């Protein structure tokens, strides 16, 4: 079956969805101990959340890049996630949505949420022909994320490194693939899908 060009794929339940973030040890350790994001995590910076585990692995190099060597699975409410999607501005102008670049720039300046679609990655982190979502949260959206939406944090660094070790050893791809999270197409309401530029189902 052909994967839609722009589709959110994630682990989710009836009420929650899992995204991934990579941090330096001091931020990850403090967050895991508290069960929530806390200093030295800084709310003043835009925080990017990624439903795709493989895209997170591409970004952090399987938890080997400095400052991104601890990977957290963040379980957040679907209500919060969809609140953010509903208020997201594309990270680049969308001709179907913006009359011109100036109109996009005005929306970008006023929005607390950025939506960006990047090539999804294979198990070997090669770019695929379809895209995966990143969501950037700032100001009020970041506050809501930290204070209201996050319901659980899990350190998945060891899983990331185990998969990388299997691949480096030339083991059967199936062995490494079995360790990947089970990500399914996320059921977006039609209006919300259109708002973020997702491919219609």
C-alpha atoms as a PDB file:
ATOM      1  CA  UNK A   1       0.000   0.000   0.000  1.00  0.00           C
ATOM      2  CA  UNK A   2       1.337   3.427  -0.940  1.00  0.00           C
ATOM      3  CA  UNK A   3       2.003   5.744   1.995  1.00  0.00           C
ATOM      4  CA  UNK A   4       0.432   9.213   1.630  1.00  0.00           C
ATOM      5  CA  UNK A   5       2.938  11.984   0.930  1.00  0.00           C
ATOM      6  CA  UNK A   6       2.177  13.827   4.183  1.00  0.00           C
ATOM      7  CA  UNK A   7       0.842  11.636   6.965  1.00  0.00           C
ATOM      8  CA  UNK A   8       1.230  11.582  10.745  1.00  0.00           C
ATOM      9  CA  UNK A   9       2.312   8.126  11.918  1.00  0.00           C
ATOM     10  CA  UNK A  10       2.649   7.572  15.645  1.00  0.00           C
ATOM     11  CA  UNK A  11       2.123   5.352  18.650  1.00  0.00           C
ATOM     12  CA  UNK A  12      -1.173   6.333  20.201  1.00  0.00           C
ATOM     13  CA  UNK A  13      -4.038   5.193  22.406  1.00  0.00           C
ATOM     14  CA  UNK A  14      -7.594   6.493  22.660  1.00  0.00           C
ATOM     15  CA  UNK A  15      -6.378   9.456  24.723  1.00  0.00           C
ATOM     16  CA  UNK A  16      -2.600   9.838  24.264  1.00  0.00           C
ATOM     17  CA  UNK A  17       0.080  10.016  21.589  1.00  0.00           C
ATOM     18  CA  UNK A  18       3.843   9.442  21.856  1.00  0.00           C
ATOM     19  CA  UNK A  19       6.428  11.852  20.476  1.00  0.00           C
ATOM     20  CA  UNK A  20      10.222  11.868  20.755  1.00  0.00           C
ATOM     21  CA  UNK A  21      12.787  14.426  21.830  1.00  0.00           C
ATOM     22  CA  UNK A  22      16.556  14.227  22.321  1.00  0.00           C
ATOM     23  CA  UNK A  23      18.362  16.133  25.046  1.00  0.00           C
ATOM     24  CA  UNK A  24      21.691  16.360  26.857  1.00  0.00           C
ATOM     25  CA  UNK A  25      21.908  14.150  29.972  1.00  0.00           C
ATOM     26  CA  UNK A  26      21.334  16.964  32.462  1.00  0.00           C
ATOM     27  CA  UNK A  27      17.930  17.874  30.967  1.00  0.00           C
ATOM     28  CA  UNK A  28      16.813  14.271  30.461  1.00  0.00           C
ATOM     29  CA  UNK A  29      17.886  13.145  33.942  1.00  0.00           C
ATOM     30  CA  UNK A  30      16.090  16.024  35.663  1.00  0.00           C
ATOM     31  CA  UNK A  31      12.929  15.493  33.624  1.00  0.00           C
ATOM     32  CA  UNK A  32      12.817  11.749  34.283  1.00  0.00           C
ATOM     33  CA  UNK A  33      13.360  12.265  38.012  1.00  0.00           C
ATOM     34  CA  UNK A  34      10.567  14.843  38.219  1.00  0.00           C
ATOM     35  CA  UNK A  35       8.228  13.101  35.793  1.00  0.00           C
ATOM     36  CA  UNK A  36       7.916  16.363  33.881  1.00  0.00           C
ATOM     37  CA  UNK A  37      10.114  18.904  32.117  1.00  0.00           C
ATOM     38  CA  UNK A  38      11.842  21.181  34.598  1.00  0.00           C
ATOM     39  CA  UNK A  39      15.077  23.221  34.758  1.00  0.00           C
ATOM     40  CA  UNK A  40      17.574  23.061  33.167  1.00  0.00           C
ATOM     41  CA  UNK A  41      14.923  22.622  30.425  1.00  0.00           C
ATOM     42  CA  UNK A  42      14.180  26.129  29.133  1.00  0.00           C
ATOM     43  CA  UNK A  43      10.686  27.124  28.116  1.00  0.00           C
ATOM     44  CA  UNK A  44      11.977  30.185  26.285  1.00  0.00           C
ATOM     45  CA  UNK A  45      13.302  28.085  23.413  1.00  0.00           C
ATOM     46  CA  UNK A  46      11.103  26.491  20.784  1.00  0.00           C
ATOM     47  CA  UNK A  47      10.824  22.778  21.531  1.00  0.00           C
ATOM     48  CA  UNK A  48      10.347  20.395  18.600  1.00  0.00           C
ATOM     49  CA  UNK A  49       8.373  17.177  19.024  1.00  0.00           C
ATOM     50  CA  UNK A  50       8.473  14.309  16.540  1.00  0.00           C
ATOM     51  CA  UNK A  51       5.972  11.427  16.351  1.00  0.00           C
ATOM     52  CA  UNK A  52       8.348   9.443  14.105  1.00  0.00           C
ATOM     53  CA  UNK A  53      10.974   7.446  16.010  1.00  0.00           C
ATOM     54  CA  UNK A  54      13.090   6.947  12.893  1.00  0.00           C
ATOM     55  CA  UNK A  55      13.101  10.654  12.118  1.00  0.00           C
ATOM     56  CA  UNK A  56      14.247  11.299  15.684  1.00  0.00           C
ATOM     57  CA  UNK A  57      17.015   8.742  15.186  1.00  0.00           C
ATOM     58  CA  UNK A  58      18.110  10.536  12.034  1.00  0.00           C
ATOM     59  CA  UNK A  59      18.188  13.840  13.882  1.00  0.00           C
ATOM     60  CA  UNK A  60      20.139  12.564  16.900  1.00  0.00           C
ATOM     61  CA  UNK A  61      22.277   9.941  15.159  1.00  0.00           C
ATOM     62  CA  UNK A  62      20.896   7.070  17.218  1.00  0.00           C
ATOM     63  CA  UNK A  63      21.559   9.056  20.424  1.00  0.00           C
ATOM     64  CA  UNK A  64      25.207   9.743  19.607  1.00  0.00           C
ATOM     65  CA  UNK A  65      25.237  13.456  18.752  1.00  0.00           C
ATOM     66  CA  UNK A  66      26.501  15.791  21.496  1.00  0.00           C
ATOM     67  CA  UNK A  67      23.595  17.407  23.281  1.00  0.00           C
ATOM     68  CA  UNK A  68      21.187  14.836  21.825  1.00  0.00           C
ATOM     69  CA  UNK A  69      22.505  11.706  23.454  1.00  0.00           C
ATOM     70  CA  UNK A  70      19.466  10.932  25.608  1.00  0.00           C
ATOM     71  CA  UNK A  71      16.200  10.202  23.832  1.00  0.00           C
ATOM     72  CA  UNK A  72      12.885  10.535  25.604  1.00  0.00           C
ATOM     73  CA  UNK A  73       9.539   9.094  24.568  1.00  0.00           C
ATOM     74  CA  UNK A  74       7.003  11.683  25.651  1.00  0.00           C
ATOM     75  CA  UNK A  75       3.403  10.613  26.084  1.00  0.00           C
ATOM     76  CA  UNK A  76       1.042  13.552  25.740  1.00  0.00           C
ATOM     77  CA  UNK A  77      -2.675  14.009  25.466  1.00  0.00           C
ATOM     78  CA  UNK A  78      -4.222  13.782  22.031  1.00  0.00           C
ATOM     79  CA  UNK A  79      -6.340  16.799  22.945  1.00  0.00           C
ATOM     80  CA  UNK A  80      -3.200  18.865  23.505  1.00  0.00           C
ATOM     81  CA  UNK A  81      -1.537  17.595  20.354  1.00  0.00           C
ATOM     82  CA  UNK A  82      -4.569  18.467  18.260  1.00  0.00           C
ATOM     83  CA  UNK A  83      -4.845  21.883  19.956  1.00  0.00           C
ATOM     84  CA  UNK A  84      -1.316  22.570  18.739  1.00  0.00           C
ATOM     85  CA  UNK A  85      -2.009  21.287  15.220  1.00  0.00           C
ATOM     86  CA  UNK A  86      -5.064  23.517  14.968  1.00  0.00           C
ATOM     87  CA  UNK A  87      -2.912  26.580  15.704  1.00  0.00           C
ATOM     88  CA  UNK A  88       0.157  25.651  13.664  1.00  0.00           C
ATOM     89  CA  UNK A  89       1.728  27.837  11.021  1.00  0.00           C
ATOM     90  CA  UNK A  90       3.777  26.171   8.246  1.00  0.00           C
ATOM     91  CA  UNK A  91       7.530  26.687   8.592  1.00  0.00           C
ATOM     92  CA  UNK A  92       7.580  27.867   4.957  1.00  0.00           C
ATOM     93  CA  UNK A  93       4.954  29.698   2.853  1.00  0.00           C
ATOM     94  CA  UNK A  94       2.036  27.624   1.595  1.00  0.00           C
ATOM     95  CA  UNK A  95       0.516  29.011  -1.642  1.00  0.00           C
ATOM     96  CA  UNK A  96      -2.790  27.336  -0.814  1.00  0.00           C
ATOM     97  CA  UNK A  97      -2.923  29.197   2.494  1.00  0.00           C
ATOM     98  CA  UNK A  98      -1.000  32.456   2.056  1.00  0.00           C
ATOM     99  CA  UNK A  99      -1.615  35.173  -0.509  1.00  0.00           C
ATOM    100  CA  UNK A 100       2.076  36.072  -0.455  1.00  0.00           C
ATOM    101  CA  UNK A 101       5.226  35.747   1.624  1.00  0.00           C
ATOM    102  CA  UNK A 102       4.295  38.775   3.729  1.00  0.00           C
ATOM    103  CA  UNK A 103       1.015  37.114   4.755  1.00  0.00           C
ATOM    104  CA  UNK A 104       2.897  34.002   5.798  1.00  0.00           C
ATOM    105  CA  UNK A 105       5.437  36.076   7.751  1.00  0.00           C
ATOM    106  CA  UNK A 106       2.628  37.769   9.700  1.00  0.00           C
ATOM    107  CA  UNK A 107       1.076  34.439  10.607  1.00  0.00           C
ATOM    108  CA  UNK A 108       4.460  32.996  11.528  1.00  0.00           C
ATOM    109  CA  UNK A 109       5.203  35.893  13.864  1.00  0.00           C
ATOM    110  CA  UNK A 110       1.913  35.550  15.717  1.00  0.00           C
ATOM    111  CA  UNK A 111       1.788  31.750  15.925  1.00  0.00           C
ATOM    112  CA  UNK A 112       3.088  29.755  18.889  1.00  0.00           C
ATOM    113  CA  UNK A 113       3.248  26.541  16.830  1.00  0.00           C
ATOM    114  CA  UNK A 114       5.242  25.578  13.719  1.00  0.00           C
ATOM    115  CA  UNK A 115       4.449  22.618  11.508  1.00  0.00           C
ATOM    116  CA  UNK A 116       7.117  21.140   9.265  1.00  0.00           C
ATOM    117  CA  UNK A 117       7.110  18.109   6.971  1.00  0.00           C
ATOM    118  CA  UNK A 118      10.450  16.363   6.427  1.00  0.00           C
ATOM    119  CA  UNK A 119      11.351  13.196   4.514  1.00  0.00           C
ATOM    120  CA  UNK A 120      10.632  10.108   6.590  1.00  0.00           C
ATOM    121  CA  UNK A 121      13.626   7.836   7.156  1.00  0.00           C
ATOM    122  CA  UNK A 122      14.278   4.168   6.578  1.00  0.00           C
ATOM    123  CA  UNK A 123      15.767   1.897   9.211  1.00  0.00           C
ATOM    124  CA  UNK A 124      19.168   2.853   7.777  1.00  0.00           C
ATOM    125  CA  UNK A 125      18.050   6.524   7.986  1.00  0.00           C
ATOM    126  CA  UNK A 126      17.967   7.047   4.229  1.00  0.00           C
ATOM    127  CA  UNK A 127      15.301   9.546   3.065  1.00  0.00           C
ATOM    128  CA  UNK A 128      12.040   8.029   1.880  1.00  0.00           C
ATOM    129  CA  UNK A 129       9.627   9.408  -0.717  1.00  0.00           C
ATOM    130  CA  UNK A 130       6.992  10.414   1.853  1.00  0.00           C
ATOM    131  CA  UNK A 131       7.165  12.846   4.744  1.00  0.00           C
ATOM    132  CA  UNK A 132       6.886  12.930   8.506  1.00  0.00           C
ATOM    133  CA  UNK A 133       5.690  15.685  10.808  1.00  0.00           C
ATOM    134  CA  UNK A 134       7.663  17.847  13.209  1.00  0.00           C
ATOM    135  CA  UNK A 135       5.868  20.258  15.491  1.00  0.00           C
ATOM    136  CA  UNK A 136       7.585  23.245  17.088  1.00  0.00           C
ATOM    137  CA  UNK A 137       6.104  24.659  20.293  1.00  0.00           C
ATOM    138  CA  UNK A 138       6.858  28.115  21.678  1.00  0.00           C
ATOM    139  CA  UNK A 139       5.462  30.541  24.254  1.00  0.00           C
ATOM    140  CA  UNK A 140       1.902  29.552  25.286  1.00  0.00           C
ATOM    141  CA  UNK A 141       2.093  26.250  23.391  1.00  0.00           C
ATOM    142  CA  UNK A 142       5.338  25.284  25.159  1.00  0.00           C
ATOM    143  CA  UNK A 143       3.806  26.170  28.527  1.00  0.00           C
ATOM    144  CA  UNK A 144       0.763  24.018  27.821  1.00  0.00           C
ATOM    145  CA  UNK A 145       3.001  21.167  26.670  1.00  0.00           C
ATOM    146  CA  UNK A 146       5.013  21.222  29.904  1.00  0.00           C
ATOM    147  CA  UNK A 147       2.209  21.991  32.355  1.00  0.00           C
ATOM    148  CA  UNK A 148      -0.838  20.254  30.869  1.00  0.00           C
ATOM    149  CA  UNK A 149      -0.212  17.820  28.036  1.00  0.00           C
ATOM    150  CA  UNK A 150       2.702  15.613  29.108  1.00  0.00           C
ATOM    151  CA  UNK A 151       1.462  12.571  30.995  1.00  0.00           C
ATOM    152  CA  UNK A 152       4.553  10.355  30.891  1.00  0.00           C
ATOM    153  CA  UNK A 153       8.276  10.315  30.097  1.00  0.00           C
ATOM    154  CA  UNK A 154      10.338   7.224  29.225  1.00  0.00           C
ATOM    155  CA  UNK A 155      14.049   6.983  28.446  1.00  0.00           C
ATOM    156  CA  UNK A 156      14.410   5.064  25.163  1.00  0.00           C
ATOM    157  CA  UNK A 157      18.133   5.752  24.686  1.00  0.00           C
ATOM    158  CA  UNK A 158      19.070   2.111  25.288  1.00  0.00           C
ATOM    159  CA  UNK A 159      16.608   0.967  22.610  1.00  0.00           C
ATOM    160  CA  UNK A 160      18.051   3.452  20.124  1.00  0.00           C
ATOM    161  CA  UNK A 161      21.582   2.237  20.754  1.00  0.00           C
ATOM    162  CA  UNK A 162      20.572  -1.437  20.618  1.00  0.00           C
ATOM    163  CA  UNK A 163      19.007  -0.941  17.194  1.00  0.00           C
ATOM    164  CA  UNK A 164      22.123   0.896  16.008  1.00  0.00           C
ATOM    165  CA  UNK A 165      24.351  -1.899  17.322  1.00  0.00           C
ATOM    166  CA  UNK A 166      22.320  -4.523  15.455  1.00  0.00           C
ATOM    167  CA  UNK A 167      22.578  -2.548  12.232  1.00  0.00           C
ATOM    168  CA  UNK A 168      26.301  -1.943  12.679  1.00  0.00           C
ATOM    169  CA  UNK A 169      26.858  -5.660  13.284  1.00  0.00           C
ATOM    170  CA  UNK A 170      25.101  -6.486  10.033  1.00  0.00           C
ATOM    171  CA  UNK A 171      22.394  -8.443  11.815  1.00  0.00           C
ATOM    172  CA  UNK A 172      19.154  -9.311  10.133  1.00  0.00           C
ATOM    173  CA  UNK A 173      17.144  -6.121   9.470  1.00  0.00           C
ATOM    174  CA  UNK A 174      14.114  -7.853  10.951  1.00  0.00           C
ATOM    175  CA  UNK A 175      15.836  -8.125  14.350  1.00  0.00           C
ATOM    176  CA  UNK A 176      16.436  -4.385  14.465  1.00  0.00           C
ATOM    177  CA  UNK A 177      13.013  -3.584  13.026  1.00  0.00           C
ATOM    178  CA  UNK A 178      11.318  -5.597  15.777  1.00  0.00           C
ATOM    179  CA  UNK A 179      12.613  -3.062  18.295  1.00  0.00           C
ATOM    180  CA  UNK A 180      11.000  -0.099  16.530  1.00  0.00           C
ATOM    181  CA  UNK A 181       7.847   1.403  18.065  1.00  0.00           C
ATOM    182  CA  UNK A 182       4.606   0.403  16.389  1.00  0.00           C
ATOM    183  CA  UNK A 183       3.568   3.572  14.563  1.00  0.00           C
ATOM    184  CA  UNK A 184       0.178   3.722  12.846  1.00  0.00           C
ATOM    185  CA  UNK A 185      -1.520   6.414  10.762  1.00  0.00           C
ATOM    186  CA  UNK A 186      -2.986   8.958  13.155  1.00  0.00           C
ATOM    187  CA  UNK A 187      -6.711   9.633  12.541  1.00  0.00           C
ATOM    188  CA  UNK A 188      -6.912  13.379  11.919  1.00  0.00           C
ATOM    189  CA  UNK A 189     -10.259  15.148  11.507  1.00  0.00           C
ATOM    190  CA  UNK A 190     -10.556  16.331   7.895  1.00  0.00           C
ATOM    191  CA  UNK A 191     -10.493  20.009   8.804  1.00  0.00           C
ATOM    192  CA  UNK A 192      -7.385  19.599  10.908  1.00  0.00           C
ATOM    193  CA  UNK A 193      -5.621  17.592   8.207  1.00  0.00           C
ATOM    194  CA  UNK A 194      -6.308  20.377   5.717  1.00  0.00           C
ATOM    195  CA  UNK A 195      -5.058  23.021   8.140  1.00  0.00           C
ATOM    196  CA  UNK A 196      -1.625  21.410   8.448  1.00  0.00           C
ATOM    197  CA  UNK A 197      -1.307  20.354   4.815  1.00  0.00           C
ATOM    198  CA  UNK A 198      -1.631  16.621   5.460  1.00  0.00           C
ATOM    199  CA  UNK A 199      -2.482  14.426   2.485  1.00  0.00           C
ATOM    200  CA  UNK A 200      -6.209  13.529   2.499  1.00  0.00           C
ATOM    201  CA  UNK A 201      -6.900   9.923   3.480  1.00  0.00           C
END
